[in-house]
Amino acid sequence: MCDASDFAVSAVLGQTKDKKHLAITYASKIFTRAQLNYATTEKELLAIVFAIDKFRSYLVGAKEFVRRCTRYQKHGGITAWDTMPLTYNLQVKLFDVWGIDFIGPFPKSYDCEYILMAVDYVSKWVEGMPCRATEAKHACRMFHEIIFPCFGTPRMVISDGGSHFIDKTFRNFLQELRAQHNIPTPYHPQTSE
């Protein structure tokens, strides 16, 4: 809904739920000197253009947002997918599943060139640790020094197929913890979603 007065335009984006009109967001704008001289119909049309321009992201991206919304997928009513559905483990708790990867090399700082990143898949919490090289011992150290003391033992660790993550040291480390190690298919990013 939008409207124009002699001095400004305003718009309200809303939705109807259970036969009640609910406002989602509001917007308004004062006319420029040139716009003050517009005829009434031009001001009304300017209000429409203003509303569409202001709320475009809400209107155009709404279907895609709902389709990708994990909360809605768990509790809502998405019944059909455009593509074949992926297998999701929705029984995951906070800090149960961590994705890890090395990034770098970066210019050396304190003799470190790489950063080992760990991301919790549910909360998106990120932890990082500077490393001299991409080695399995650094990944083990990160879990001992950062992940375990703060978040407990994870049920699953997801990593790429890098030699540092498929190394015997790291695999034995995860087996001792009884943590599952998931290595996604190369060039298929949906595997790790």
N, C-alpha and C. Protein backbone atom coordinates (compact mmCIF):
# COMPACT_ATOMS: atom_id res chain seq x y z
N MET A 1 0.85 -1.15 0.00
CA MET A 1 0.00 0.00 0.00
C MET A 1 0.91 1.23 0.00
N CYS A 2 0.53 2.24 -0.80
CA CYS A 2 1.33 3.46 -0.84
C CYS A 2 0.41 4.66 -1.01
N ASP A 3 0.93 5.83 -0.66
CA ASP A 3 0.14 7.05 -0.76
C ASP A 3 1.08 8.23 -0.93
N ALA A 4 0.53 9.31 -1.47
CA ALA A 4 1.31 10.53 -1.65
C ALA A 4 0.52 11.70 -1.08
N SER A 5 1.21 12.60 -0.41
CA SER A 5 0.60 13.84 0.07
C SER A 5 1.20 14.98 -0.74
N ASP A 6 1.01 16.20 -0.29
CA ASP A 6 1.59 17.33 -1.00
C ASP A 6 3.10 17.41 -0.81
N PHE A 7 3.63 16.79 0.25
CA PHE A 7 5.03 16.96 0.59
C PHE A 7 5.86 15.68 0.62
N ALA A 8 5.21 14.51 0.64
CA ALA A 8 5.96 13.26 0.80
C ALA A 8 5.19 12.07 0.23
N VAL A 9 5.92 10.95 0.11
CA VAL A 9 5.29 9.67 -0.25
C VAL A 9 5.57 8.69 0.89
N SER A 10 4.67 7.74 1.05
CA SER A 10 4.88 6.71 2.06
C SER A 10 4.37 5.38 1.52
N ALA A 11 4.91 4.31 2.09
CA ALA A 11 4.52 2.97 1.65
C ALA A 11 4.58 2.02 2.83
N VAL A 12 3.73 1.02 2.78
CA VAL A 12 3.70 -0.02 3.81
C VAL A 12 3.70 -1.36 3.09
N LEU A 13 4.61 -2.23 3.49
CA LEU A 13 4.62 -3.60 2.98
C LEU A 13 3.97 -4.46 4.05
N GLY A 14 2.95 -5.21 3.65
CA GLY A 14 2.23 -6.01 4.63
C GLY A 14 1.79 -7.33 4.07
N GLN A 15 1.13 -8.10 4.91
CA GLN A 15 0.58 -9.38 4.49
C GLN A 15 -0.72 -9.60 5.23
N THR A 16 -1.57 -10.43 4.65
CA THR A 16 -2.83 -10.76 5.28
C THR A 16 -2.72 -12.16 5.86
N LYS A 17 -3.02 -12.26 7.15
CA LYS A 17 -2.96 -13.55 7.83
C LYS A 17 -4.21 -13.68 8.69
N ASP A 18 -4.95 -14.74 8.51
CA ASP A 18 -6.21 -14.96 9.23
C ASP A 18 -7.14 -13.76 9.09
N LYS A 19 -7.25 -13.25 7.88
CA LYS A 19 -8.11 -12.12 7.53
C LYS A 19 -7.74 -10.83 8.26
N LYS A 20 -6.52 -10.75 8.76
CA LYS A 20 -6.03 -9.53 9.40
C LYS A 20 -4.86 -8.99 8.59
N HIS A 21 -4.81 -7.68 8.43
CA HIS A 21 -3.71 -7.05 7.71
C HIS A 21 -2.59 -6.73 8.70
N LEU A 22 -1.40 -7.26 8.41
CA LEU A 22 -0.25 -7.05 9.29
C LEU A 22 0.84 -6.30 8.53
N ALA A 23 1.41 -5.27 9.15
CA ALA A 23 2.49 -4.51 8.52
C ALA A 23 3.82 -5.22 8.74
N ILE A 24 4.62 -5.29 7.68
CA ILE A 24 5.94 -5.88 7.77
C ILE A 24 6.99 -4.79 7.94
N THR A 25 6.89 -3.76 7.10
CA THR A 25 7.83 -2.65 7.19
C THR A 25 7.22 -1.38 6.59
N TYR A 26 7.76 -0.24 6.97
CA TYR A 26 7.28 1.05 6.51
C TYR A 26 8.41 1.79 5.80
N ALA A 27 8.03 2.72 4.91
CA ALA A 27 9.02 3.58 4.25
C ALA A 27 8.36 4.90 3.88
N SER A 28 9.13 5.97 3.94
CA SER A 28 8.62 7.27 3.52
C SER A 28 9.77 8.12 2.99
N LYS A 29 9.38 9.15 2.23
CA LYS A 29 10.39 10.01 1.62
C LYS A 29 9.77 11.38 1.37
N ILE A 30 10.52 12.42 1.68
CA ILE A 30 10.07 13.79 1.41
C ILE A 30 10.40 14.13 -0.03
N PHE A 31 9.51 14.87 -0.69
CA PHE A 31 9.73 15.26 -2.08
C PHE A 31 10.89 16.25 -2.20
N THR A 32 11.56 16.19 -3.35
CA THR A 32 12.56 17.20 -3.68
C THR A 32 11.82 18.45 -4.15
N ARG A 33 12.55 19.53 -4.35
CA ARG A 33 11.90 20.77 -4.81
C ARG A 33 11.19 20.57 -6.14
N ALA A 34 11.82 19.83 -7.04
CA ALA A 34 11.21 19.59 -8.35
C ALA A 34 9.95 18.74 -8.21
N GLN A 35 9.99 17.74 -7.34
CA GLN A 35 8.84 16.85 -7.17
C GLN A 35 7.65 17.55 -6.52
N LEU A 36 7.91 18.61 -5.76
CA LEU A 36 6.81 19.37 -5.16
C LEU A 36 5.91 19.99 -6.22
N ASN A 37 6.44 20.22 -7.42
CA ASN A 37 5.68 20.83 -8.51
C ASN A 37 4.88 19.82 -9.32
N TYR A 38 5.01 18.51 -9.03
CA TYR A 38 4.29 17.48 -9.79
C TYR A 38 2.79 17.61 -9.55
N ALA A 39 2.02 17.15 -10.54
CA ALA A 39 0.57 17.08 -10.39
C ALA A 39 0.23 15.94 -9.42
N THR A 40 -1.00 15.92 -8.93
CA THR A 40 -1.42 14.91 -7.95
C THR A 40 -1.26 13.49 -8.48
N THR A 41 -1.66 13.26 -9.73
CA THR A 41 -1.54 11.91 -10.30
C THR A 41 -0.07 11.50 -10.42
N GLU A 42 0.80 12.44 -10.77
CA GLU A 42 2.22 12.12 -10.86
C GLU A 42 2.80 11.79 -9.49
N LYS A 43 2.33 12.48 -8.45
CA LYS A 43 2.78 12.18 -7.09
C LYS A 43 2.32 10.78 -6.66
N GLU A 44 1.09 10.42 -7.03
CA GLU A 44 0.59 9.08 -6.71
C GLU A 44 1.41 8.00 -7.43
N LEU A 45 1.73 8.25 -8.70
CA LEU A 45 2.56 7.30 -9.45
C LEU A 45 3.97 7.23 -8.88
N LEU A 46 4.48 8.37 -8.43
CA LEU A 46 5.79 8.39 -7.80
C LEU A 46 5.78 7.55 -6.51
N ALA A 47 4.65 7.57 -5.80
CA ALA A 47 4.52 6.74 -4.59
C ALA A 47 4.58 5.25 -4.95
N ILE A 48 3.95 4.87 -6.05
CA ILE A 48 3.97 3.47 -6.49
C ILE A 48 5.39 3.06 -6.87
N VAL A 49 6.06 3.91 -7.65
CA VAL A 49 7.44 3.62 -8.07
C VAL A 49 8.35 3.54 -6.85
N PHE A 50 8.16 4.46 -5.89
CA PHE A 50 8.96 4.45 -4.67
C PHE A 50 8.76 3.15 -3.89
N ALA A 51 7.50 2.72 -3.75
CA ALA A 51 7.20 1.50 -2.99
C ALA A 51 7.81 0.27 -3.66
N ILE A 52 7.67 0.17 -4.97
CA ILE A 52 8.23 -0.99 -5.69
C ILE A 52 9.75 -0.99 -5.58
N ASP A 53 10.35 0.17 -5.74
CA ASP A 53 11.81 0.26 -5.65
C ASP A 53 12.31 -0.07 -4.24
N LYS A 54 11.61 0.44 -3.23
CA LYS A 54 12.03 0.25 -1.84
C LYS A 54 11.86 -1.20 -1.38
N PHE A 55 10.78 -1.84 -1.81
CA PHE A 55 10.47 -3.19 -1.33
C PHE A 55 10.77 -4.28 -2.35
N ARG A 56 11.51 -3.94 -3.39
CA ARG A 56 11.81 -4.90 -4.46
C ARG A 56 12.46 -6.18 -3.93
N SER A 57 13.43 -6.03 -3.04
CA SER A 57 14.13 -7.21 -2.53
C SER A 57 13.19 -8.12 -1.74
N TYR A 58 12.21 -7.53 -1.05
CA TYR A 58 11.24 -8.35 -0.32
C TYR A 58 10.36 -9.12 -1.30
N LEU A 59 9.95 -8.45 -2.36
CA LEU A 59 8.99 -9.05 -3.28
C LEU A 59 9.63 -10.06 -4.22
N VAL A 60 10.77 -9.71 -4.80
CA VAL A 60 11.41 -10.58 -5.79
C VAL A 60 12.09 -11.77 -5.12
N GLY A 61 12.75 -11.54 -4.00
CA GLY A 61 13.51 -12.62 -3.37
C GLY A 61 12.73 -13.47 -2.39
N ALA A 62 11.43 -13.22 -2.22
CA ALA A 62 10.66 -13.92 -1.19
C ALA A 62 10.60 -15.43 -1.42
N LYS A 63 10.31 -15.86 -2.63
CA LYS A 63 10.20 -17.30 -2.90
C LYS A 63 11.53 -18.00 -2.69
N GLU A 64 12.61 -17.39 -3.16
CA GLU A 64 13.93 -17.99 -3.00
C GLU A 64 14.33 -18.04 -1.53
N PHE A 65 14.00 -16.99 -0.78
CA PHE A 65 14.32 -16.97 0.65
C PHE A 65 13.59 -18.10 1.38
N VAL A 66 12.32 -18.26 1.10
CA VAL A 66 11.54 -19.32 1.75
C VAL A 66 12.06 -20.68 1.35
N ARG A 67 12.43 -20.85 0.08
CA ARG A 67 12.93 -22.14 -0.38
C ARG A 67 14.22 -22.53 0.32
N ARG A 68 15.06 -21.55 0.65
CA ARG A 68 16.36 -21.84 1.27
C ARG A 68 16.33 -21.75 2.80
N CYS A 69 15.24 -21.33 3.38
CA CYS A 69 15.16 -21.12 4.83
C CYS A 69 15.12 -22.46 5.56
N THR A 70 16.14 -22.75 6.34
CA THR A 70 16.23 -24.04 7.04
C THR A 70 15.13 -24.18 8.08
N ARG A 71 14.83 -23.09 8.77
CA ARG A 71 13.80 -23.16 9.80
C ARG A 71 12.45 -23.52 9.19
N TYR A 72 12.14 -22.94 8.03
CA TYR A 72 10.88 -23.24 7.37
C TYR A 72 10.88 -24.67 6.83
N GLN A 73 12.03 -25.13 6.36
CA GLN A 73 12.10 -26.50 5.86
C GLN A 73 11.87 -27.50 6.99
N LYS A 74 12.34 -27.19 8.19
CA LYS A 74 12.15 -28.10 9.31
C LYS A 74 10.70 -28.12 9.79
N HIS A 75 10.07 -26.93 9.87
CA HIS A 75 8.76 -26.83 10.50
C HIS A 75 7.65 -26.42 9.54
N GLY A 76 8.00 -25.91 8.37
CA GLY A 76 7.01 -25.37 7.46
C GLY A 76 6.49 -26.38 6.47
N GLY A 77 5.90 -25.86 5.42
CA GLY A 77 5.23 -26.74 4.48
C GLY A 77 5.80 -26.73 3.08
N ILE A 78 7.11 -26.81 2.92
CA ILE A 78 7.65 -26.94 1.58
C ILE A 78 7.43 -28.38 1.15
N THR A 79 6.60 -28.56 0.14
CA THR A 79 6.25 -29.92 -0.26
C THR A 79 6.93 -30.36 -1.54
N ALA A 80 7.34 -29.42 -2.38
CA ALA A 80 7.95 -29.80 -3.65
C ALA A 80 9.27 -29.06 -3.83
N TRP A 81 10.22 -29.74 -4.43
CA TRP A 81 11.52 -29.15 -4.72
C TRP A 81 11.67 -29.05 -6.23
N ASP A 82 12.40 -28.02 -6.66
CA ASP A 82 12.69 -27.88 -8.08
C ASP A 82 13.66 -28.96 -8.53
N THR A 83 14.52 -29.39 -7.63
CA THR A 83 15.51 -30.41 -7.95
C THR A 83 15.32 -31.58 -7.00
N MET A 84 16.06 -32.62 -7.24
CA MET A 84 15.98 -33.77 -6.36
C MET A 84 16.42 -33.37 -4.96
N PRO A 85 15.64 -33.68 -3.92
CA PRO A 85 16.00 -33.24 -2.58
C PRO A 85 17.29 -33.90 -2.09
N LEU A 86 18.06 -33.11 -1.35
CA LEU A 86 19.28 -33.62 -0.75
C LEU A 86 18.93 -34.25 0.59
N THR A 87 19.76 -35.10 1.09
CA THR A 87 19.53 -35.73 2.38
C THR A 87 20.05 -34.80 3.46
N TYR A 88 19.17 -34.34 4.32
CA TYR A 88 19.56 -33.44 5.40
C TYR A 88 19.45 -34.18 6.72
N ASN A 89 20.38 -33.94 7.60
CA ASN A 89 20.30 -34.47 8.95
C ASN A 89 19.80 -33.34 9.83
N LEU A 90 18.49 -33.29 10.07
CA LEU A 90 17.91 -32.19 10.81
C LEU A 90 17.92 -32.44 12.32
N GLN A 91 18.49 -33.55 12.75
CA GLN A 91 18.56 -33.88 14.17
C GLN A 91 19.88 -33.40 14.77
N VAL A 92 20.48 -32.40 14.20
CA VAL A 92 21.79 -31.93 14.63
C VAL A 92 21.62 -30.87 15.72
N LYS A 93 22.45 -30.97 16.75
CA LYS A 93 22.43 -29.99 17.83
C LYS A 93 23.58 -29.01 17.63
N LEU A 94 23.53 -27.94 18.39
CA LEU A 94 24.61 -26.95 18.34
C LEU A 94 25.96 -27.61 18.59
N PHE A 95 26.93 -27.26 17.80
CA PHE A 95 28.32 -27.70 17.93
C PHE A 95 28.51 -29.21 17.79
N ASP A 96 27.56 -29.88 17.14
CA ASP A 96 27.68 -31.31 16.85
C ASP A 96 28.45 -31.57 15.56
N VAL A 97 28.31 -30.67 14.59
CA VAL A 97 28.93 -30.86 13.27
C VAL A 97 29.79 -29.64 12.97
N TRP A 98 31.07 -29.91 12.70
CA TRP A 98 32.02 -28.84 12.38
C TRP A 98 32.58 -29.06 10.99
N GLY A 99 32.69 -28.00 10.22
CA GLY A 99 33.38 -28.02 8.94
C GLY A 99 34.74 -27.37 9.13
N ILE A 100 35.80 -28.00 8.63
CA ILE A 100 37.14 -27.43 8.81
C ILE A 100 37.86 -27.35 7.48
N ASP A 101 38.73 -26.34 7.36
CA ASP A 101 39.54 -26.20 6.16
C ASP A 101 40.67 -25.22 6.44
N PHE A 102 41.75 -25.41 5.72
CA PHE A 102 42.87 -24.47 5.77
C PHE A 102 42.66 -23.41 4.70
N ILE A 103 42.95 -22.15 5.03
CA ILE A 103 42.94 -21.10 4.02
C ILE A 103 44.33 -20.47 3.99
N GLY A 104 44.71 -20.00 2.83
CA GLY A 104 46.04 -19.42 2.67
C GLY A 104 46.72 -20.02 1.46
N PRO A 105 47.97 -19.76 1.24
CA PRO A 105 48.92 -19.05 2.09
C PRO A 105 48.72 -17.53 2.04
N PHE A 106 49.01 -16.92 3.17
CA PHE A 106 48.98 -15.48 3.32
C PHE A 106 50.41 -15.00 3.54
N PRO A 107 50.65 -13.70 3.45
CA PRO A 107 51.98 -13.20 3.81
C PRO A 107 52.30 -13.60 5.26
N LYS A 108 53.52 -14.01 5.51
CA LYS A 108 53.90 -14.52 6.84
C LYS A 108 53.69 -13.47 7.92
N SER A 109 53.13 -13.93 9.02
CA SER A 109 52.94 -13.10 10.20
C SER A 109 53.20 -13.99 11.41
N TYR A 110 54.17 -13.64 12.23
CA TYR A 110 54.58 -14.48 13.36
C TYR A 110 54.90 -15.89 12.89
N ASP A 111 55.54 -15.99 11.74
CA ASP A 111 55.98 -17.24 11.14
C ASP A 111 54.82 -18.16 10.72
N CYS A 112 53.62 -17.61 10.59
CA CYS A 112 52.46 -18.41 10.16
C CYS A 112 51.96 -17.91 8.81
N GLU A 113 51.63 -18.85 7.93
CA GLU A 113 51.14 -18.51 6.60
C GLU A 113 49.69 -18.94 6.36
N TYR A 114 49.18 -19.84 7.17
CA TYR A 114 47.85 -20.41 6.94
C TYR A 114 46.96 -20.16 8.15
N ILE A 115 45.65 -20.25 7.91
CA ILE A 115 44.68 -20.19 9.00
C ILE A 115 43.81 -21.43 8.88
N LEU A 116 43.70 -22.18 9.96
CA LEU A 116 42.79 -23.32 10.01
C LEU A 116 41.46 -22.80 10.53
N MET A 117 40.41 -22.90 9.71
CA MET A 117 39.09 -22.41 10.07
C MET A 117 38.19 -23.58 10.42
N ALA A 118 37.39 -23.40 11.45
CA ALA A 118 36.38 -24.39 11.84
C ALA A 118 35.05 -23.64 11.99
N VAL A 119 34.00 -24.18 11.36
CA VAL A 119 32.68 -23.54 11.39
C VAL A 119 31.66 -24.55 11.89
N ASP A 120 30.88 -24.17 12.90
CA ASP A 120 29.78 -25.02 13.35
C ASP A 120 28.64 -24.91 12.34
N TYR A 121 28.12 -26.03 11.89
CA TYR A 121 27.12 -26.03 10.84
C TYR A 121 25.77 -25.51 11.28
N VAL A 122 25.44 -25.54 12.56
CA VAL A 122 24.13 -25.07 13.01
C VAL A 122 24.17 -23.58 13.34
N SER A 123 25.07 -23.18 14.22
CA SER A 123 25.10 -21.79 14.66
C SER A 123 25.93 -20.89 13.75
N LYS A 124 26.74 -21.49 12.88
CA LYS A 124 27.67 -20.76 12.00
C LYS A 124 28.78 -20.08 12.80
N TRP A 125 29.03 -20.54 14.02
CA TRP A 125 30.12 -20.02 14.85
C TRP A 125 31.44 -20.37 14.18
N VAL A 126 32.35 -19.41 14.13
CA VAL A 126 33.62 -19.60 13.44
C VAL A 126 34.77 -19.52 14.44
N GLU A 127 35.69 -20.44 14.33
CA GLU A 127 36.93 -20.41 15.10
C GLU A 127 38.08 -20.49 14.11
N GLY A 128 39.17 -19.81 14.41
CA GLY A 128 40.33 -19.84 13.54
C GLY A 128 41.61 -19.98 14.34
N MET A 129 42.62 -20.57 13.72
CA MET A 129 43.91 -20.75 14.39
C MET A 129 45.02 -20.58 13.35
N PRO A 130 45.98 -19.68 13.59
CA PRO A 130 47.08 -19.52 12.65
C PRO A 130 48.00 -20.75 12.69
N CYS A 131 48.50 -21.13 11.51
CA CYS A 131 49.37 -22.32 11.40
C CYS A 131 50.55 -22.03 10.49
N ARG A 132 51.65 -22.71 10.75
CA ARG A 132 52.84 -22.56 9.90
C ARG A 132 52.68 -23.33 8.59
N ALA A 133 52.00 -24.47 8.65
CA ALA A 133 51.83 -25.32 7.46
C ALA A 133 50.49 -26.03 7.55
N THR A 134 50.08 -26.63 6.44
CA THR A 134 48.82 -27.38 6.42
C THR A 134 49.12 -28.82 6.80
N GLU A 135 49.10 -29.11 8.08
CA GLU A 135 49.42 -30.45 8.57
C GLU A 135 48.33 -30.93 9.52
N ALA A 136 48.20 -32.26 9.59
CA ALA A 136 47.17 -32.89 10.43
C ALA A 136 47.35 -32.54 11.90
N LYS A 137 48.60 -32.37 12.34
CA LYS A 137 48.84 -32.10 13.76
C LYS A 137 48.21 -30.78 14.19
N HIS A 138 48.12 -29.81 13.25
CA HIS A 138 47.49 -28.52 13.57
C HIS A 138 45.99 -28.69 13.75
N ALA A 139 45.38 -29.53 12.92
CA ALA A 139 43.95 -29.78 13.05
C ALA A 139 43.65 -30.45 14.39
N CYS A 140 44.47 -31.43 14.77
CA CYS A 140 44.30 -32.10 16.06
C CYS A 140 44.47 -31.10 17.20
N ARG A 141 45.48 -30.24 17.08
CA ARG A 141 45.74 -29.24 18.11
C ARG A 141 44.57 -28.27 18.26
N MET A 142 43.96 -27.89 17.13
CA MET A 142 42.83 -26.97 17.19
C MET A 142 41.68 -27.58 17.99
N PHE A 143 41.40 -28.85 17.74
CA PHE A 143 40.32 -29.50 18.48
C PHE A 143 40.66 -29.59 19.97
N HIS A 144 41.90 -29.93 20.30
CA HIS A 144 42.30 -30.05 21.71
C HIS A 144 42.27 -28.71 22.42
N GLU A 145 42.75 -27.64 21.76
CA GLU A 145 42.92 -26.35 22.43
C GLU A 145 41.70 -25.44 22.35
N ILE A 146 40.92 -25.56 21.27
CA ILE A 146 39.82 -24.60 21.07
C ILE A 146 38.45 -25.27 21.12
N ILE A 147 38.24 -26.29 20.30
CA ILE A 147 36.89 -26.87 20.15
C ILE A 147 36.45 -27.62 21.41
N PHE A 148 37.25 -28.57 21.89
CA PHE A 148 36.85 -29.38 23.05
C PHE A 148 36.58 -28.55 24.30
N PRO A 149 37.51 -27.66 24.70
CA PRO A 149 37.27 -26.92 25.94
C PRO A 149 36.02 -26.03 25.89
N CYS A 150 35.72 -25.48 24.72
CA CYS A 150 34.60 -24.54 24.62
C CYS A 150 33.28 -25.20 24.22
N PHE A 151 33.33 -26.20 23.34
CA PHE A 151 32.10 -26.71 22.73
C PHE A 151 31.88 -28.21 22.92
N GLY A 152 32.82 -28.92 23.48
CA GLY A 152 32.67 -30.35 23.66
C GLY A 152 33.12 -31.13 22.42
N THR A 153 32.90 -32.44 22.46
CA THR A 153 33.32 -33.31 21.36
C THR A 153 32.27 -33.33 20.26
N PRO A 154 32.64 -33.07 19.02
CA PRO A 154 31.65 -33.10 17.94
C PRO A 154 31.29 -34.53 17.53
N ARG A 155 30.11 -34.68 16.95
CA ARG A 155 29.71 -35.99 16.42
C ARG A 155 30.25 -36.20 15.02
N MET A 156 30.41 -35.09 14.26
CA MET A 156 30.87 -35.21 12.88
C MET A 156 31.78 -34.04 12.53
N VAL A 157 32.80 -34.34 11.74
CA VAL A 157 33.71 -33.32 11.21
C VAL A 157 33.68 -33.45 9.70
N ILE A 158 33.43 -32.34 9.02
CA ILE A 158 33.38 -32.33 7.56
C ILE A 158 34.59 -31.57 7.05
N SER A 159 35.34 -32.18 6.15
CA SER A 159 36.54 -31.53 5.60
C SER A 159 36.68 -31.92 4.14
N ASP A 160 37.56 -31.21 3.44
CA ASP A 160 37.83 -31.60 2.06
C ASP A 160 38.77 -32.80 2.07
N GLY A 161 39.13 -33.28 0.90
CA GLY A 161 39.98 -34.46 0.80
C GLY A 161 41.45 -34.14 0.80
N GLY A 162 41.84 -33.01 1.41
CA GLY A 162 43.25 -32.63 1.47
C GLY A 162 44.06 -33.66 2.24
N SER A 163 45.34 -33.77 1.87
CA SER A 163 46.21 -34.79 2.48
C SER A 163 46.30 -34.61 4.00
N HIS A 164 46.16 -33.38 4.48
CA HIS A 164 46.24 -33.13 5.92
C HIS A 164 45.02 -33.66 6.66
N PHE A 165 43.88 -33.81 5.96
CA PHE A 165 42.67 -34.31 6.62
C PHE A 165 42.46 -35.82 6.42
N ILE A 166 43.07 -36.39 5.38
CA ILE A 166 42.95 -37.84 5.21
C ILE A 166 44.18 -38.55 5.76
N ASP A 167 45.04 -37.78 6.39
CA ASP A 167 46.24 -38.32 7.03
C ASP A 167 45.84 -39.29 8.16
N LYS A 168 46.66 -40.31 8.35
CA LYS A 168 46.39 -41.33 9.37
C LYS A 168 46.27 -40.72 10.76
N THR A 169 47.10 -39.72 11.05
CA THR A 169 47.08 -39.06 12.36
C THR A 169 45.70 -38.47 12.65
N PHE A 170 45.17 -37.72 11.69
CA PHE A 170 43.88 -37.06 11.89
C PHE A 170 42.74 -38.07 11.92
N ARG A 171 42.79 -39.07 11.05
CA ARG A 171 41.72 -40.08 11.02
C ARG A 171 41.70 -40.88 12.32
N ASN A 172 42.86 -41.26 12.84
CA ASN A 172 42.92 -41.99 14.12
C ASN A 172 42.43 -41.11 15.27
N PHE A 173 42.77 -39.83 15.20
CA PHE A 173 42.33 -38.87 16.21
C PHE A 173 40.80 -38.83 16.27
N LEU A 174 40.15 -38.75 15.10
CA LEU A 174 38.69 -38.71 15.06
C LEU A 174 38.08 -40.04 15.49
N GLN A 175 38.72 -41.15 15.15
CA GLN A 175 38.22 -42.47 15.56
C GLN A 175 38.24 -42.61 17.08
N GLU A 176 39.29 -42.11 17.72
CA GLU A 176 39.37 -42.15 19.18
C GLU A 176 38.22 -41.38 19.82
N LEU A 177 37.81 -40.30 19.16
CA LEU A 177 36.72 -39.47 19.68
C LEU A 177 35.35 -40.03 19.33
N ARG A 178 35.34 -41.04 18.47
CA ARG A 178 34.10 -41.60 17.92
C ARG A 178 33.33 -40.53 17.14
N ALA A 179 34.07 -39.67 16.47
CA ALA A 179 33.48 -38.64 15.62
C ALA A 179 33.53 -39.12 14.18
N GLN A 180 32.43 -38.97 13.49
CA GLN A 180 32.36 -39.38 12.09
C GLN A 180 33.10 -38.34 11.24
N HIS A 181 33.86 -38.80 10.26
CA HIS A 181 34.59 -37.90 9.36
C HIS A 181 33.93 -37.98 7.99
N ASN A 182 33.41 -36.85 7.52
CA ASN A 182 32.73 -36.80 6.24
C ASN A 182 33.58 -36.01 5.25
N ILE A 183 33.91 -36.63 4.12
CA ILE A 183 34.68 -35.96 3.07
C ILE A 183 33.77 -35.85 1.86
N PRO A 184 33.33 -34.63 1.49
CA PRO A 184 32.40 -34.47 0.37
C PRO A 184 33.02 -34.86 -0.97
N THR A 185 32.15 -35.10 -1.93
CA THR A 185 32.58 -35.40 -3.28
C THR A 185 33.22 -34.16 -3.90
N PRO A 186 34.39 -34.28 -4.53
CA PRO A 186 35.02 -33.11 -5.15
C PRO A 186 34.12 -32.50 -6.23
N TYR A 187 34.17 -31.18 -6.34
CA TYR A 187 33.41 -30.41 -7.33
C TYR A 187 31.91 -30.63 -7.21
N HIS A 188 31.44 -30.94 -6.03
CA HIS A 188 30.01 -31.10 -5.79
C HIS A 188 29.69 -30.46 -4.44
N PRO A 189 29.61 -29.11 -4.40
CA PRO A 189 29.50 -28.40 -3.13
C PRO A 189 28.23 -28.72 -2.34
N GLN A 190 27.18 -29.21 -3.00
CA GLN A 190 25.95 -29.52 -2.28
C GLN A 190 26.15 -30.62 -1.25
N THR A 191 27.17 -31.43 -1.41
CA THR A 191 27.43 -32.53 -0.48
C THR A 191 27.67 -32.02 0.92
N SER A 192 28.31 -30.87 1.04
CA SER A 192 28.67 -30.37 2.36
C SER A 192 27.66 -29.38 2.91
N GLU A 193 26.52 -29.22 2.28
CA GLU A 193 25.50 -28.30 2.81
C GLU A 193 24.74 -28.94 3.93
